[in-house]
Amino acid sequence: MPNLPIYPLDSIDEMLIRSHPYLLLSQLTQGNFSNKKVDVVRTGLRRKVLGQNQQKLRQIAKTK
Protein backbone atom coordinates (compact mmCIF):
# COMPACT_ATOMS: atom_id res chain seq x y z
CA MET A 1 0.00 0.00 0.00
CA PRO A 2 1.45 3.42 -0.93
CA ASN A 3 2.40 5.77 1.85
CA LEU A 4 -0.37 8.38 1.73
CA PRO A 5 0.24 11.82 3.16
CA ILE A 6 -2.34 13.08 5.65
CA TYR A 7 -3.56 16.45 4.43
CA PRO A 8 -4.94 18.99 6.86
CA LEU A 9 -8.36 20.09 5.64
CA ASP A 10 -7.04 23.67 5.30
CA SER A 11 -4.81 22.58 2.43
CA ILE A 12 -7.83 21.48 0.39
CA ASP A 13 -8.33 24.99 -0.99
CA GLU A 14 -4.69 25.10 -2.04
CA MET A 15 -4.99 21.71 -3.78
CA LEU A 16 -8.22 22.84 -5.40
CA ILE A 17 -6.56 25.95 -6.81
CA ARG A 18 -3.58 23.96 -8.11
CA SER A 19 -5.70 21.30 -9.76
CA HIS A 20 -8.30 23.75 -11.15
CA PRO A 21 -6.46 27.00 -11.94
CA TYR A 22 -9.40 28.24 -14.03
CA LEU A 23 -11.50 28.71 -10.89
CA LEU A 24 -11.41 32.23 -9.55
CA LEU A 25 -9.61 32.54 -6.25
CA SER A 26 -12.40 34.82 -5.03
CA GLN A 27 -14.96 32.04 -5.55
CA LEU A 28 -13.03 29.89 -3.09
CA THR A 29 -12.06 32.46 -0.48
CA GLN A 30 -15.43 34.20 -0.13
CA GLY A 31 -17.14 30.97 0.84
CA ASN A 32 -19.83 31.90 -1.66
CA PHE A 33 -20.29 28.72 -3.64
CA SER A 34 -23.03 29.78 -6.01
CA ASN A 35 -20.84 28.32 -8.75
CA LYS A 36 -21.95 24.68 -8.78
CA LYS A 37 -18.69 23.48 -10.31
CA VAL A 38 -16.64 24.88 -7.42
CA ASP A 39 -18.94 23.21 -4.93
CA VAL A 40 -18.86 19.83 -6.65
CA VAL A 41 -15.09 19.83 -7.05
CA ARG A 42 -14.58 21.00 -3.47
CA THR A 43 -16.89 18.31 -2.07
CA GLY A 44 -15.23 15.61 -4.14
CA LEU A 45 -11.77 16.71 -3.09
CA ARG A 46 -12.79 16.90 0.56
CA ARG A 47 -14.20 13.34 0.40
CA LYS A 48 -11.03 12.11 -1.28
CA VAL A 49 -8.81 13.68 1.37
CA LEU A 50 -10.97 12.41 4.24
CA GLY A 51 -10.92 8.96 2.66
CA GLN A 52 -7.13 9.05 2.41
CA ASN A 53 -6.84 10.16 6.02
CA GLN A 54 -9.11 7.32 7.16
CA GLN A 55 -7.11 4.82 5.12
CA LYS A 56 -3.87 6.10 6.60
CA LEU A 57 -5.21 5.94 10.15
CA ARG A 58 -6.45 2.36 9.63
CA GLN A 59 -3.04 1.42 8.27
CA ILE A 60 -1.34 2.91 11.34
CA ALA A 61 -3.78 1.10 13.65
CA LYS A 62 -3.02 -2.24 11.97
CA THR A 63 0.74 -1.91 12.40
CA LYS A 64 0.55 -1.15 16.14
PDB file of N, CA and C in Angstrom:
ATOM      1  N   MET A   1       0.847  -1.201   0.000  1.00  0.00           N
ATOM      2  CA  MET A   1       0.000   0.000   0.000  1.00  0.00           C
ATOM      3  C   MET A   1       0.886   1.256   0.000  1.00  0.00           C
ATOM      4  N   PRO A   2       0.588   2.223  -0.873  1.00  0.00           N
ATOM      5  CA  PRO A   2       1.446   3.415  -0.926  1.00  0.00           C
ATOM      6  C   PRO A   2       1.334   4.241   0.349  1.00  0.00           C
ATOM      7  N   ASN A   3       2.386   4.938   0.656  1.00  0.00           N
ATOM      8  CA  ASN A   3       2.399   5.772   1.853  1.00  0.00           C
ATOM      9  C   ASN A   3       1.664   7.076   1.543  1.00  0.00           C
ATOM     10  N   LEU A   4       0.441   7.208   2.035  1.00  0.00           N
ATOM     11  CA  LEU A   4      -0.373   8.381   1.727  1.00  0.00           C
ATOM     12  C   LEU A   4      -0.105   9.495   2.725  1.00  0.00           C
ATOM     13  N   PRO A   5       0.088  10.708   2.220  1.00  0.00           N
ATOM     14  CA  PRO A   5       0.242  11.821   3.157  1.00  0.00           C
ATOM     15  C   PRO A   5      -1.109  12.156   3.786  1.00  0.00           C
ATOM     16  N   ILE A   6      -1.094  12.636   5.007  1.00  0.00           N
ATOM     17  CA  ILE A   6      -2.339  13.083   5.649  1.00  0.00           C
ATOM     18  C   ILE A   6      -2.414  14.595   5.445  1.00  0.00           C
ATOM     19  N   TYR A   7      -3.421  15.028   4.697  1.00  0.00           N
ATOM     20  CA  TYR A   7      -3.558  16.452   4.425  1.00  0.00           C
ATOM     21  C   TYR A   7      -4.436  17.096   5.486  1.00  0.00           C
ATOM     22  N   PRO A   8      -4.001  18.237   6.022  1.00  0.00           N
ATOM     23  CA  PRO A   8      -4.940  18.992   6.863  1.00  0.00           C
ATOM     24  C   PRO A   8      -6.046  19.538   5.958  1.00  0.00           C
ATOM     25  N   LEU A   9      -7.238  19.650   6.480  1.00  0.00           N
ATOM     26  CA  LEU A   9      -8.358  20.085   5.635  1.00  0.00           C
ATOM     27  C   LEU A   9      -8.152  21.496   5.094  1.00  0.00           C
ATOM     28  N   ASP A  10      -7.317  22.311   5.774  1.00  0.00           N
ATOM     29  CA  ASP A  10      -7.038  23.669   5.300  1.00  0.00           C
ATOM     30  C   ASP A  10      -6.347  23.654   3.942  1.00  0.00           C
ATOM     31  N   SER A  11      -5.579  22.612   3.682  1.00  0.00           N
ATOM     32  CA  SER A  11      -4.812  22.578   2.432  1.00  0.00           C
ATOM     33  C   SER A  11      -5.687  22.197   1.234  1.00  0.00           C
ATOM     34  N   ILE A  12      -6.942  21.872   1.484  1.00  0.00           N
ATOM     35  CA  ILE A  12      -7.830  21.479   0.389  1.00  0.00           C
ATOM     36  C   ILE A  12      -8.013  22.628  -0.601  1.00  0.00           C
ATOM     37  N   ASP A  13      -8.172  23.846  -0.091  1.00  0.00           N
ATOM     38  CA  ASP A  13      -8.330  24.994  -0.989  1.00  0.00           C
ATOM     39  C   ASP A  13      -7.110  25.147  -1.886  1.00  0.00           C
ATOM     40  N   GLU A  14      -5.935  24.969  -1.287  1.00  0.00           N
ATOM     41  CA  GLU A  14      -4.687  25.096  -2.037  1.00  0.00           C
ATOM     42  C   GLU A  14      -4.628  24.037  -3.145  1.00  0.00           C
ATOM     43  N   MET A  15      -4.985  22.801  -2.801  1.00  0.00           N
ATOM     44  CA  MET A  15      -4.985  21.713  -3.776  1.00  0.00           C
ATOM     45  C   MET A  15      -6.003  21.988  -4.879  1.00  0.00           C
ATOM     46  N   LEU A  16      -7.142  22.529  -4.462  1.00  0.00           N
ATOM     47  CA  LEU A  16      -8.216  22.840  -5.402  1.00  0.00           C
ATOM     48  C   LEU A  16      -7.743  23.871  -6.421  1.00  0.00           C
ATOM     49  N   ILE A  17      -7.042  24.891  -5.930  1.00  0.00           N
ATOM     50  CA  ILE A  17      -6.556  25.952  -6.809  1.00  0.00           C
ATOM     51  C   ILE A  17      -5.511  25.393  -7.773  1.00  0.00           C
ATOM     52  N   ARG A  18      -4.622  24.542  -7.255  1.00  0.00           N
ATOM     53  CA  ARG A  18      -3.583  23.963  -8.110  1.00  0.00           C
ATOM     54  C   ARG A  18      -4.176  23.054  -9.184  1.00  0.00           C
ATOM     55  N   SER A  19      -5.160  22.249  -8.799  1.00  0.00           N
ATOM     56  CA  SER A  19      -5.704  21.296  -9.761  1.00  0.00           C
ATOM     57  C   SER A  19      -6.732  21.929 -10.702  1.00  0.00           C
ATOM     58  N   HIS A  20      -7.297  23.066 -10.302  1.00  0.00           N
ATOM     59  CA  HIS A  20      -8.296  23.746 -11.146  1.00  0.00           C
ATOM     60  C   HIS A  20      -7.980  25.233 -11.217  1.00  0.00           C
ATOM     61  N   PRO A  21      -6.895  25.598 -11.915  1.00  0.00           N
ATOM     62  CA  PRO A  21      -6.464  26.995 -11.937  1.00  0.00           C
ATOM     63  C   PRO A  21      -7.467  27.944 -12.588  1.00  0.00           C
ATOM     64  N   TYR A  22      -8.421  27.379 -13.358  1.00  0.00           N
ATOM     65  CA  TYR A  22      -9.399  28.238 -14.027  1.00  0.00           C
ATOM     66  C   TYR A  22     -10.454  28.779 -13.057  1.00  0.00           C
ATOM     67  N   LEU A  23     -10.527  28.193 -11.861  1.00  0.00           N
ATOM     68  CA  LEU A  23     -11.495  28.711 -10.892  1.00  0.00           C
ATOM     69  C   LEU A  23     -10.964  30.020 -10.323  1.00  0.00           C
ATOM     70  N   LEU A  24     -11.844  30.968 -10.122  1.00  0.00           N
ATOM     71  CA  LEU A  24     -11.405  32.232  -9.547  1.00  0.00           C
ATOM     72  C   LEU A  24     -11.104  32.048  -8.070  1.00  0.00           C
ATOM     73  N   LEU A  25     -10.007  32.630  -7.649  1.00  0.00           N
ATOM     74  CA  LEU A  25      -9.608  32.544  -6.247  1.00  0.00           C
ATOM     75  C   LEU A  25     -10.707  33.111  -5.350  1.00  0.00           C
ATOM     76  N   SER A  26     -11.357  34.187  -5.823  1.00  0.00           N
ATOM     77  CA  SER A  26     -12.401  34.823  -5.026  1.00  0.00           C
ATOM     78  C   SER A  26     -13.575  33.881  -4.770  1.00  0.00           C
ATOM     79  N   GLN A  27     -13.846  32.978  -5.719  1.00  0.00           N
ATOM     80  CA  GLN A  27     -14.955  32.038  -5.548  1.00  0.00           C
ATOM     81  C   GLN A  27     -14.676  31.097  -4.379  1.00  0.00           C
ATOM     82  N   LEU A  28     -13.387  30.811  -4.157  1.00  0.00           N
ATOM     83  CA  LEU A  28     -13.027  29.890  -3.090  1.00  0.00           C
ATOM     84  C   LEU A  28     -12.969  30.609  -1.750  1.00  0.00           C
ATOM     85  N   THR A  29     -12.344  31.797  -1.746  1.00  0.00           N
ATOM     86  CA  THR A  29     -12.060  32.458  -0.477  1.00  0.00           C
ATOM     87  C   THR A  29     -13.287  33.108   0.145  1.00  0.00           C
ATOM     88  N   GLN A  30     -14.246  33.535  -0.677  1.00  0.00           N
ATOM     89  CA  GLN A  30     -15.428  34.199  -0.127  1.00  0.00           C
ATOM     90  C   GLN A  30     -16.375  33.224   0.561  1.00  0.00           C
ATOM     91  N   GLY A  31     -16.213  31.946   0.263  1.00  0.00           N
ATOM     92  CA  GLY A  31     -17.136  30.971   0.835  1.00  0.00           C
ATOM     93  C   GLY A  31     -18.511  31.072   0.188  1.00  0.00           C
ATOM     94  N   ASN A  32     -18.568  31.754  -0.944  1.00  0.00           N
ATOM     95  CA  ASN A  32     -19.832  31.902  -1.661  1.00  0.00           C
ATOM     96  C   ASN A  32     -19.812  30.929  -2.835  1.00  0.00           C
ATOM     97  N   PHE A  33     -20.402  29.759  -2.631  1.00  0.00           N
ATOM     98  CA  PHE A  33     -20.286  28.717  -3.643  1.00  0.00           C
ATOM     99  C   PHE A  33     -21.525  28.646  -4.509  1.00  0.00           C
ATOM    100  N   SER A  34     -21.887  29.786  -5.100  1.00  0.00           N
ATOM    101  CA  SER A  34     -23.029  29.777  -6.010  1.00  0.00           C
ATOM    102  C   SER A  34     -22.635  29.063  -7.297  1.00  0.00           C
ATOM    103  N   ASN A  35     -21.327  29.042  -7.572  1.00  0.00           N
ATOM    104  CA  ASN A  35     -20.842  28.316  -8.746  1.00  0.00           C
ATOM    105  C   ASN A  35     -20.854  26.835  -8.418  1.00  0.00           C
ATOM    106  N   LYS A  36     -21.738  26.105  -9.073  1.00  0.00           N
ATOM    107  CA  LYS A  36     -21.950  24.683  -8.777  1.00  0.00           C
ATOM    108  C   LYS A  36     -20.669  23.879  -8.980  1.00  0.00           C
ATOM    109  N   LYS A  37     -19.909  24.222 -10.001  1.00  0.00           N
ATOM    110  CA  LYS A  37     -18.686  23.482 -10.311  1.00  0.00           C
ATOM    111  C   LYS A  37     -17.696  23.548  -9.140  1.00  0.00           C
ATOM    112  N   VAL A  38     -17.547  24.720  -8.561  1.00  0.00           N
ATOM    113  CA  VAL A  38     -16.639  24.882  -7.417  1.00  0.00           C
ATOM    114  C   VAL A  38     -17.091  23.970  -6.293  1.00  0.00           C
ATOM    115  N   ASP A  39     -18.378  23.996  -6.021  1.00  0.00           N
ATOM    116  CA  ASP A  39     -18.941  23.213  -4.927  1.00  0.00           C
ATOM    117  C   ASP A  39     -18.723  21.716  -5.135  1.00  0.00           C
ATOM    118  N   VAL A  40     -18.988  21.252  -6.343  1.00  0.00           N
ATOM    119  CA  VAL A  40     -18.858  19.829  -6.651  1.00  0.00           C
ATOM    120  C   VAL A  40     -17.411  19.380  -6.523  1.00  0.00           C
ATOM    121  N   VAL A  41     -16.514  20.164  -7.098  1.00  0.00           N
ATOM    122  CA  VAL A  41     -15.089  19.827  -7.052  1.00  0.00           C
ATOM    123  C   VAL A  41     -14.597  19.824  -5.614  1.00  0.00           C
ATOM    124  N   ARG A  42     -14.998  20.861  -4.866  1.00  0.00           N
ATOM    125  CA  ARG A  42     -14.579  21.001  -3.473  1.00  0.00           C
ATOM    126  C   ARG A  42     -15.073  19.816  -2.637  1.00  0.00           C
ATOM    127  N   THR A  43     -16.326  19.434  -2.819  1.00  0.00           N
ATOM    128  CA  THR A  43     -16.891  18.311  -2.069  1.00  0.00           C
ATOM    129  C   THR A  43     -16.171  17.021  -2.414  1.00  0.00           C
ATOM    130  N   GLY A  44     -15.933  16.816  -3.703  1.00  0.00           N
ATOM    131  CA  GLY A  44     -15.232  15.611  -4.145  1.00  0.00           C
ATOM    132  C   GLY A  44     -13.836  15.531  -3.578  1.00  0.00           C
ATOM    133  N   LEU A  45     -13.141  16.662  -3.594  1.00  0.00           N
ATOM    134  CA  LEU A  45     -11.771  16.710  -3.092  1.00  0.00           C
ATOM    135  C   LEU A  45     -11.746  16.476  -1.590  1.00  0.00           C
ATOM    136  N   ARG A  46     -12.711  17.067  -0.894  1.00  0.00           N
ATOM    137  CA  ARG A  46     -12.788  16.896   0.561  1.00  0.00           C
ATOM    138  C   ARG A  46     -13.021  15.421   0.911  1.00  0.00           C
ATOM    139  N   ARG A  47     -13.924  14.769   0.173  1.00  0.00           N
ATOM    140  CA  ARG A  47     -14.196  13.341   0.405  1.00  0.00           C
ATOM    141  C   ARG A  47     -12.957  12.507   0.165  1.00  0.00           C
ATOM    142  N   LYS A  48     -12.242  12.845  -0.913  1.00  0.00           N
ATOM    143  CA  LYS A  48     -11.034  12.111  -1.277  1.00  0.00           C
ATOM    144  C   LYS A  48      -9.990  12.233  -0.167  1.00  0.00           C
ATOM    145  N   VAL A  49      -9.796  13.444   0.318  1.00  0.00           N
ATOM    146  CA  VAL A  49      -8.807  13.684   1.373  1.00  0.00           C
ATOM    147  C   VAL A  49      -9.212  12.981   2.659  1.00  0.00           C
ATOM    148  N   LEU A  50     -10.492  13.084   3.023  1.00  0.00           N
ATOM    149  CA  LEU A  50     -10.967  12.410   4.235  1.00  0.00           C
ATOM    150  C   LEU A  50     -10.803  10.906   4.107  1.00  0.00           C
ATOM    151  N   GLY A  51     -11.083  10.388   2.923  1.00  0.00           N
ATOM    152  CA  GLY A  51     -10.920   8.961   2.661  1.00  0.00           C
ATOM    153  C   GLY A  51      -9.476   8.528   2.817  1.00  0.00           C
ATOM    154  N   GLN A  52      -8.558   9.348   2.291  1.00  0.00           N
ATOM    155  CA  GLN A  52      -7.129   9.046   2.405  1.00  0.00           C
ATOM    156  C   GLN A  52      -6.695   9.073   3.862  1.00  0.00           C
ATOM    157  N   ASN A  53      -7.193  10.053   4.604  1.00  0.00           N
ATOM    158  CA  ASN A  53      -6.841  10.161   6.020  1.00  0.00           C
ATOM    159  C   ASN A  53      -7.325   8.935   6.785  1.00  0.00           C
ATOM    160  N   GLN A  54      -8.556   8.502   6.494  1.00  0.00           N
ATOM    161  CA  GLN A  54      -9.115   7.321   7.159  1.00  0.00           C
ATOM    162  C   GLN A  54      -8.283   6.086   6.848  1.00  0.00           C
ATOM    163  N   GLN A  55      -7.918   5.946   5.576  1.00  0.00           N
ATOM    164  CA  GLN A  55      -7.115   4.817   5.124  1.00  0.00           C
ATOM    165  C   GLN A  55      -5.785   4.799   5.862  1.00  0.00           C
ATOM    166  N   LYS A  56      -5.168   5.960   5.946  1.00  0.00           N
ATOM    167  CA  LYS A  56      -3.866   6.098   6.598  1.00  0.00           C
ATOM    168  C   LYS A  56      -3.982   5.728   8.076  1.00  0.00           C
ATOM    169  N   LEU A  57      -5.026   6.214   8.727  1.00  0.00           N
ATOM    170  CA  LEU A  57      -5.212   5.937  10.154  1.00  0.00           C
ATOM    171  C   LEU A  57      -5.456   4.450  10.402  1.00  0.00           C
ATOM    172  N   ARG A  58      -6.221   3.808   9.513  1.00  0.00           N
ATOM    173  CA  ARG A  58      -6.450   2.362   9.630  1.00  0.00           C
ATOM    174  C   ARG A  58      -5.145   1.595   9.477  1.00  0.00           C
ATOM    175  N   GLN A  59      -4.331   2.051   8.527  1.00  0.00           N
ATOM    176  CA  GLN A  59      -3.039   1.420   8.267  1.00  0.00           C
ATOM    177  C   GLN A  59      -2.145   1.522   9.510  1.00  0.00           C
ATOM    178  N   ILE A  60      -2.142   2.689  10.133  1.00  0.00           N
ATOM    179  CA  ILE A  60      -1.341   2.907  11.344  1.00  0.00           C
ATOM    180  C   ILE A  60      -1.851   2.005  12.465  1.00  0.00           C
ATOM    181  N   ALA A  61      -3.180   1.923  12.594  1.00  0.00           N
ATOM    182  CA  ALA A  61      -3.783   1.102  13.651  1.00  0.00           C
ATOM    183  C   ALA A  61      -3.413  -0.375  13.482  1.00  0.00           C
ATOM    184  N   LYS A  62      -3.358  -0.835  12.235  1.00  0.00           N
ATOM    185  CA  LYS A  62      -3.020  -2.237  11.967  1.00  0.00           C
ATOM    186  C   LYS A  62      -1.592  -2.577  12.379  1.00  0.00           C
ATOM    187  N   THR A  63      -0.675  -1.639  12.137  1.00  0.00           N
ATOM    188  CA  THR A  63       0.739  -1.915  12.399  1.00  0.00           C
ATOM    189  C   THR A  63       1.086  -1.872  13.884  1.00  0.00           C
ATOM    190  N   LYS A  64       0.244  -1.252  14.695  1.00  0.00           N
ATOM    191  CA  LYS A  64       0.548  -1.146  16.135  1.00  0.00           C
ATOM    192  C   LYS A  64       0.205  -2.415  16.881  1.00  0.00           C
TER     193      LYS A  64
END
